[in-house]
C-alpha atoms as a PDB file:
ATOM      1  CA  MET A   1     -63.455 -26.643 137.881  1.00  0.00           C
ATOM      2  CA  LYS A   2     -61.514 -29.790 138.734  1.00  0.00           C
ATOM      3  CA  VAL A   3     -59.610 -30.520 141.914  1.00  0.00           C
ATOM      4  CA  ARG A   4     -56.955 -33.210 142.145  1.00  0.00           C
ATOM      5  CA  PHE A   5     -56.891 -34.528 145.678  1.00  0.00           C
ATOM      6  CA  ASP A   6     -53.244 -35.542 145.392  1.00  0.00           C
ATOM      7  CA  GLU A   7     -52.392 -31.853 144.914  1.00  0.00           C
ATOM      8  CA  ILE A   8     -54.167 -30.467 148.002  1.00  0.00           C
ATOM      9  CA  ASP A   9     -53.692 -31.017 151.720  1.00  0.00           C
ATOM     10  CA  ALA A  10     -55.964 -32.972 154.061  1.00  0.00           C
ATOM     11  CA  LYS A  11     -57.499 -29.821 155.552  1.00  0.00           C
ATOM     12  CA  LEU A  12     -58.772 -28.645 152.164  1.00  0.00           C
ATOM     13  CA  ARG A  13     -59.954 -32.158 151.241  1.00  0.00           C
ATOM     14  CA  TYR A  14     -61.990 -32.226 154.458  1.00  0.00           C
ATOM     15  CA  LYS A  15     -63.439 -28.794 153.711  1.00  0.00           C
ATOM     16  CA  LEU A  16     -64.495 -29.757 150.178  1.00  0.00           C
ATOM     17  CA  MET A  17     -65.864 -33.166 151.114  1.00  0.00           C
ATOM     18  CA  THR A  18     -67.906 -31.977 154.093  1.00  0.00           C
ATOM     19  CA  ALA A  19     -69.347 -29.106 152.054  1.00  0.00           C
ATOM     20  CA  SER A  20     -70.428 -31.533 149.315  1.00  0.00           C
ATOM     21  CA  ILE A  21     -71.470 -34.719 151.104  1.00  0.00           C
ATOM     22  CA  ILE A  22     -74.548 -33.270 152.774  1.00  0.00           C
ATOM     23  CA  PRO A  23     -76.669 -33.691 154.750  1.00  0.00           C
ATOM     24  CA  ARG A  24     -74.903 -36.153 157.022  1.00  0.00           C
ATOM     25  CA  PRO A  25     -76.531 -37.879 160.011  1.00  0.00           C
ATOM     26  CA  VAL A  26     -75.059 -37.245 163.444  1.00  0.00           C
ATOM     27  CA  ALA A  27     -74.037 -40.068 165.766  1.00  0.00           C
ATOM     28  CA  LEU A  28     -73.621 -39.095 169.411  1.00  0.00           C
ATOM     29  CA  VAL A  29     -71.350 -41.949 170.462  1.00  0.00           C
ATOM     30  CA  THR A  30     -71.164 -43.036 174.083  1.00  0.00           C
ATOM     31  CA  SER A  31     -68.407 -45.329 175.307  1.00  0.00           C
ATOM     32  CA  LEU A  32     -66.508 -46.362 178.427  1.00  0.00           C
ATOM     33  CA  ASP A  33     -62.793 -46.448 179.047  1.00  0.00           C
ATOM     34  CA  LYS A  34     -61.139 -49.488 180.628  1.00  0.00           C
ATOM     35  CA  ASP A  35     -61.753 -47.998 184.096  1.00  0.00           C
ATOM     36  CA  GLY A  36     -65.473 -47.490 183.470  1.00  0.00           C
ATOM     37  CA  ASN A  37     -65.425 -43.720 182.869  1.00  0.00           C
ATOM     38  CA  ALA A  38     -68.053 -42.549 180.382  1.00  0.00           C
ATOM     39  CA  ASN A  39     -67.470 -40.413 177.306  1.00  0.00           C
ATOM     40  CA  ALA A  40     -69.752 -38.875 174.698  1.00  0.00           C
ATOM     41  CA  ALA A  41     -68.765 -37.321 171.376  1.00  0.00           C
ATOM     42  CA  PRO A  42     -70.574 -36.534 168.095  1.00  0.00           C
ATOM     43  CA  TYR A  43     -69.533 -37.841 164.672  1.00  0.00           C
ATOM     44  CA  SER A  44     -70.964 -37.001 161.266  1.00  0.00           C
ATOM     45  CA  PHE A  45     -68.657 -39.291 159.307  1.00  0.00           C
ATOM     46  CA  PHE A  46     -71.202 -41.962 160.159  1.00  0.00           C
ATOM     47  CA  ASN A  47     -73.803 -44.182 158.539  1.00  0.00           C
ATOM     48  CA  GLY A  48     -75.361 -47.624 158.412  1.00  0.00           C
ATOM     49  CA  MET A  49     -73.700 -49.858 155.840  1.00  0.00           C
ATOM     50  CA  SER A  50     -75.325 -53.285 156.100  1.00  0.00           C
ATOM     51  CA  GLU A  51     -78.311 -55.048 157.608  1.00  0.00           C
ATOM     52  CA  ASP A  52     -76.967 -58.620 157.523  1.00  0.00           C
ATOM     53  CA  PRO A  53     -74.822 -58.342 159.519  1.00  0.00           C
ATOM     54  CA  PRO A  54     -76.187 -55.032 160.838  1.00  0.00           C
ATOM     55  CA  LEU A  55     -73.189 -52.690 160.629  1.00  0.00           C
ATOM     56  CA  ILE A  56     -72.628 -49.050 161.546  1.00  0.00           C
ATOM     57  CA  VAL A  57     -69.529 -47.176 160.362  1.00  0.00           C
ATOM     58  CA  LEU A  58     -67.758 -44.304 162.127  1.00  0.00           C
ATOM     59  CA  GLY A  59     -64.902 -42.159 160.836  1.00  0.00           C
ATOM     60  CA  LEU A  60     -62.712 -41.274 163.838  1.00  0.00           C
ATOM     61  CA  LYS A  61     -60.010 -38.594 163.845  1.00  0.00           C
ATOM     62  CA  ARG A  62     -57.023 -38.263 166.147  1.00  0.00           C
ATOM     63  CA  ARG A  63     -56.423 -35.205 168.304  1.00  0.00           C
ATOM     64  CA  ASP A  64     -54.395 -32.447 166.648  1.00  0.00           C
ATOM     65  CA  SER A  65     -51.622 -33.278 169.109  1.00  0.00           C
ATOM     66  CA  GLY A  66     -51.452 -36.852 167.831  1.00  0.00           C
ATOM     67  CA  PRO A  67     -53.011 -39.353 170.274  1.00  0.00           C
ATOM     68  CA  LYS A  68     -56.333 -41.073 169.730  1.00  0.00           C
ATOM     69  CA  LYS A  69     -59.431 -39.314 170.974  1.00  0.00           C
ATOM     70  CA  ASP A  70     -61.421 -40.921 173.769  1.00  0.00           C
ATOM     71  CA  THR A  71     -63.977 -42.642 171.530  1.00  0.00           C
ATOM     72  CA  ALA A  72     -61.376 -44.374 169.360  1.00  0.00           C
ATOM     73  CA  ARG A  73     -59.310 -45.427 172.365  1.00  0.00           C
ATOM     74  CA  ASN A  74     -62.357 -46.702 174.245  1.00  0.00           C
ATOM     75  CA  ILE A  75     -63.551 -48.760 171.279  1.00  0.00           C
ATOM     76  CA  GLU A  76     -60.056 -50.207 170.936  1.00  0.00           C
ATOM     77  CA  GLU A  77     -59.878 -51.111 174.638  1.00  0.00           C
ATOM     78  CA  THR A  78     -63.438 -52.305 175.321  1.00  0.00           C
ATOM     79  CA  SER A  79     -64.861 -53.177 171.868  1.00  0.00           C
ATOM     80  CA  GLU A  80     -68.246 -51.632 172.754  1.00  0.00           C
ATOM     81  CA  PHE A  81     -70.044 -48.359 172.059  1.00  0.00           C
ATOM     82  CA  VAL A  82     -73.515 -46.889 171.595  1.00  0.00           C
ATOM     83  CA  VAL A  83     -74.703 -44.714 168.708  1.00  0.00           C
ATOM     84  CA  ASN A  84     -77.368 -42.268 169.878  1.00  0.00           C
ATOM     85  CA  ILE A  85     -79.369 -40.491 167.170  1.00  0.00           C
ATOM     86  CA  VAL A  86     -79.651 -36.724 167.734  1.00  0.00           C
ATOM     87  CA  ASN A  87     -82.899 -34.787 167.287  1.00  0.00           C
ATOM     88  CA  TRP A  88     -83.378 -31.019 167.478  1.00  0.00           C
ATOM     89  CA  GLU A  89     -84.011 -30.988 171.235  1.00  0.00           C
ATOM     90  CA  MET A  90     -80.582 -32.579 171.737  1.00  0.00           C
ATOM     91  CA  HIS A  91     -78.740 -30.159 169.442  1.00  0.00           C
ATOM     92  CA  GLN A  92     -77.290 -27.783 172.055  1.00  0.00           C
ATOM     93  CA  GLY A  93     -76.260 -30.604 174.360  1.00  0.00           C
ATOM     94  CA  MET A  94     -74.621 -32.411 171.460  1.00  0.00           C
ATOM     95  CA  LEU A  95     -72.516 -29.305 170.754  1.00  0.00           C
ATOM     96  CA  VAL A  96     -71.258 -29.380 174.347  1.00  0.00           C
ATOM     97  CA  THR A  97     -69.996 -32.936 173.849  1.00  0.00           C
ATOM     98  CA  ALA A  98     -68.060 -31.770 170.771  1.00  0.00           C
ATOM     99  CA  ALA A  99     -65.807 -29.563 172.927  1.00  0.00           C
ATOM    100  CA  ASP A 100     -62.286 -30.886 173.429  1.00  0.00           C
ATOM    101  CA  PHE A 101     -62.515 -31.659 177.135  1.00  0.00           C
ATOM    102  CA  PRO A 102     -59.484 -33.206 178.856  1.00  0.00           C
ATOM    103  CA  GLU A 103     -59.213 -36.972 178.881  1.00  0.00           C
ATOM    104  CA  GLY A 104     -61.427 -38.622 181.484  1.00  0.00           C
ATOM    105  CA  VAL A 105     -64.039 -35.843 181.695  1.00  0.00           C
ATOM    106  CA  ASP A 106     -67.629 -37.122 181.453  1.00  0.00           C
ATOM    107  CA  GLU A 107     -69.344 -34.763 179.013  1.00  0.00           C
ATOM    108  CA  ILE A 108     -72.783 -36.317 179.459  1.00  0.00           C
ATOM    109  CA  PRO A 109     -73.970 -34.417 182.575  1.00  0.00           C
ATOM    110  CA  LEU A 110     -72.238 -31.234 181.377  1.00  0.00           C
ATOM    111  CA  ALA A 111     -74.382 -31.441 178.235  1.00  0.00           C
ATOM    112  CA  GLY A 112     -77.555 -31.791 180.296  1.00  0.00           C
ATOM    113  CA  PHE A 113     -78.133 -35.383 179.257  1.00  0.00           C
ATOM    114  CA  THR A 114     -79.019 -38.354 181.429  1.00  0.00           C
ATOM    115  CA  THR A 115     -78.022 -41.945 180.875  1.00  0.00           C
ATOM    116  CA  ALA A 116     -79.887 -45.225 180.657  1.00  0.00           C
ATOM    117  CA  THR A 117     -78.555 -48.753 180.961  1.00  0.00           C
ATOM    118  CA  CYS A 118     -78.053 -50.833 177.841  1.00  0.00           C
ATOM    119  CA  ASP A 119     -79.077 -54.474 177.590  1.00  0.00           C
ATOM    120  CA  LEU A 120     -76.082 -56.134 175.935  1.00  0.00           C
ATOM    121  CA  VAL A 121     -73.181 -53.680 176.152  1.00  0.00           C
ATOM    122  CA  LYS A 122     -71.665 -51.861 179.131  1.00  0.00           C
ATOM    123  CA  PRO A 123     -71.576 -48.258 177.844  1.00  0.00           C
ATOM    124  CA  PRO A 124     -74.686 -46.237 178.701  1.00  0.00           C
ATOM    125  CA  ARG A 125     -77.042 -44.767 176.158  1.00  0.00           C
ATOM    126  CA  ILE A 126     -78.410 -41.243 176.197  1.00  0.00           C
ATOM    127  CA  ALA A 127     -81.915 -41.387 177.689  1.00  0.00           C
ATOM    128  CA  GLU A 128     -83.048 -38.354 175.679  1.00  0.00           C
ATOM    129  CA  ALA A 129     -82.108 -39.921 172.328  1.00  0.00           C
ATOM    130  CA  PRO A 130     -85.079 -41.023 170.203  1.00  0.00           C
ATOM    131  CA  VAL A 131     -83.076 -43.993 168.907  1.00  0.00           C
ATOM    132  CA  ALA A 132     -79.941 -45.701 170.204  1.00  0.00           C
ATOM    133  CA  PHE A 133     -77.940 -48.605 168.788  1.00  0.00           C
ATOM    134  CA  GLU A 134     -75.896 -50.870 171.043  1.00  0.00           C
ATOM    135  CA  CYS A 135     -72.771 -51.884 169.122  1.00  0.00           C
ATOM    136  CA  ARG A 136     -69.825 -54.234 169.432  1.00  0.00           C
ATOM    137  CA  LYS A 137     -66.653 -53.680 167.441  1.00  0.00           C
ATOM    138  CA  PHE A 138     -66.735 -55.636 164.183  1.00  0.00           C
ATOM    139  CA  VAL A 139     -63.446 -54.366 162.772  1.00  0.00           C
ATOM    140  CA  THR A 140     -61.334 -51.219 162.759  1.00  0.00           C
ATOM    141  CA  VAL A 141     -59.273 -49.994 159.824  1.00  0.00           C
ATOM    142  CA  GLN A 142     -56.386 -47.560 160.100  1.00  0.00           C
ATOM    143  CA  ALA A 143     -56.915 -45.036 157.291  1.00  0.00           C
ATOM    144  CA  GLY A 144     -53.824 -42.882 157.029  1.00  0.00           C
ATOM    145  CA  ILE A 145     -52.049 -41.216 159.920  1.00  0.00           C
ATOM    146  CA  ASP A 146     -54.971 -39.308 161.434  1.00  0.00           C
ATOM    147  CA  ARG A 147     -58.067 -41.362 160.606  1.00  0.00           C
ATOM    148  CA  GLU A 148     -59.475 -44.643 161.810  1.00  0.00           C
ATOM    149  CA  ILE A 149     -62.632 -46.298 160.520  1.00  0.00           C
ATOM    150  CA  ALA A 150     -64.545 -48.211 163.183  1.00  0.00           C
ATOM    151  CA  ILE A 151     -67.224 -50.651 162.089  1.00  0.00           C
ATOM    152  CA  GLY A 152     -69.625 -51.800 164.771  1.00  0.00           C
ATOM    153  CA  GLU A 153     -72.176 -54.594 164.715  1.00  0.00           C
ATOM    154  CA  VAL A 154     -75.552 -53.592 166.108  1.00  0.00           C
ATOM    155  CA  VAL A 155     -76.657 -56.041 168.793  1.00  0.00           C
ATOM    156  CA  ALA A 156     -79.687 -54.141 170.121  1.00  0.00           C
ATOM    157  CA  MET A 157     -81.738 -51.036 169.390  1.00  0.00           C
ATOM    158  CA  HIS A 158     -83.787 -48.733 171.607  1.00  0.00           C
ATOM    159  CA  VAL A 159     -86.647 -46.604 170.252  1.00  0.00           C
ATOM    160  CA  LYS A 160     -88.711 -44.068 172.201  1.00  0.00           C
ATOM    161  CA  ASP A 161     -92.249 -45.344 172.739  1.00  0.00           C
ATOM    162  CA  GLU A 162     -93.794 -42.200 171.266  1.00  0.00           C
ATOM    163  CA  ILE A 163     -92.255 -42.809 167.837  1.00  0.00           C
ATOM    164  CA  TRP A 164     -92.618 -46.607 167.772  1.00  0.00           C
ATOM    165  CA  ASP A 165     -95.529 -48.109 165.848  1.00  0.00           C
ATOM    166  CA  ALA A 166     -95.690 -51.596 167.381  1.00  0.00           C
ATOM    167  CA  GLU A 167     -98.331 -52.888 164.991  1.00  0.00           C
ATOM    168  CA  ARG A 168     -96.308 -52.079 161.872  1.00  0.00           C
ATOM    169  CA  GLN A 169     -92.844 -52.526 163.471  1.00  0.00           C
ATOM    170  CA  TYR A 170     -92.151 -49.037 162.208  1.00  0.00           C
ATOM    171  CA  ILE A 171     -90.549 -45.784 163.388  1.00  0.00           C
ATOM    172  CA  ASP A 172     -92.838 -42.779 162.931  1.00  0.00           C
ATOM    173  CA  TRP A 173     -90.801 -39.641 163.543  1.00  0.00           C
ATOM    174  CA  GLN A 174     -93.962 -37.515 163.694  1.00  0.00           C
ATOM    175  CA  GLY A 175     -92.160 -34.534 162.217  1.00  0.00           C
ATOM    176  CA  ASN A 176     -89.361 -34.486 164.811  1.00  0.00           C
ATOM    177  CA  LEU A 177     -86.705 -35.849 162.493  1.00  0.00           C
ATOM    178  CA  PRO A 178     -83.023 -36.218 163.406  1.00  0.00           C
ATOM    179  CA  ILE A 179     -80.760 -33.269 162.728  1.00  0.00           C
ATOM    180  CA  ALA A 180     -78.142 -33.319 159.987  1.00  0.00           C
ATOM    181  CA  ARG A 181     -74.626 -31.914 159.742  1.00  0.00           C
ATOM    182  CA  LEU A 182     -73.810 -29.588 156.875  1.00  0.00           C
ATOM    183  CA  TRP A 183     -70.438 -27.792 156.685  1.00  0.00           C
ATOM    184  CA  GLY A 184     -68.441 -25.761 159.159  1.00  0.00           C
ATOM    185  CA  THR A 185     -70.621 -25.116 162.206  1.00  0.00           C
ATOM    186  CA  LEU A 186     -73.888 -25.459 160.293  1.00  0.00           C
ATOM    187  CA  TYR A 187     -76.571 -28.055 160.994  1.00  0.00           C
ATOM    188  CA  ALA A 188     -79.958 -28.616 159.377  1.00  0.00           C
ATOM    189  CA  GLN A 189     -83.373 -29.341 160.795  1.00  0.00           C
ATOM    190  CA  LEU A 190     -85.018 -31.579 158.231  1.00  0.00           C
ATOM    191  CA  GLY A 191     -88.339 -30.491 156.776  1.00  0.00           C
ATOM    192  CA  SER A 192     -91.142 -32.495 155.209  1.00  0.00           C
ATOM    193  CA  PRO A 193     -90.073 -35.784 153.575  1.00  0.00           C
ATOM    194  CA  VAL A 194     -90.679 -36.126 149.842  1.00  0.00           C
ATOM    195  CA  ASP A 195     -92.043 -39.433 148.555  1.00  0.00           C
ATOM    196  CA  GLY A 196     -90.028 -40.867 145.669  1.00  0.00           C
ATOM    197  CA  PRO A 197     -91.224 -44.283 144.480  1.00  0.00           C
ATOM    198  CA  VAL A 198     -89.094 -46.041 141.864  1.00  0.00           C
ATOM    199  CA  PRO A 199     -90.793 -45.987 138.436  1.00  0.00           C
ATOM    200  CA  ASP A 200     -92.229 -49.231 137.080  1.00  0.00           C
ATOM    201  CA  LEU A 201     -90.209 -50.563 134.140  1.00  0.00           C
ATOM    202  CA  ASN A 202     -93.461 -50.938 132.212  1.00  0.00           C
ATOM    203  CA  ASP A 203     -93.675 -47.147 132.142  1.00  0.00           C
ATOM    204  CA  PHE A 204     -90.698 -47.093 129.766  1.00  0.00           C
ATOM    205  CA  LYS A 205     -92.129 -49.477 127.177  1.00  0.00           C
END
């Protein structure tokens, strides 16, 4: 079976891509509008793309009615946002933030989350998140009519004390790994990691 993407519409492309590119990490993005109103929304078109400079990439979609969603508009207006990593305990609250609330509604308390102050950016982080990245806009790219790619530079990181190994400068998830997005309304709770060291080239001689 072969599918030519120039012969199918965007809705089917999205369906096929999200069913194949799995699992995907979930970024619960918090931001502020120009008047200081908070917003939270989850994105699974998300990943880290560089460590020098430290860059995080988000794929942002417009509303079906046409205008930018709150996250994209806030990043455009303020150039700051926070990526909060979602674990299983945050799953139900994260789903609440995915609802299409009217512009200006603060989803954070409705989702049962609390906020904490960031060090270098104005938007709050989610206090319940095991990890949060403070970001400043690095660049945004308009990708077609409905999509925008926002690249943020990480300026600070917060890690819960219970998963931080200070001696090794290491994050130990202790089995409570972040959740992952699959397709449709499905998410995955990650199981036991599998070790996969790269073979030594001498093994092939």
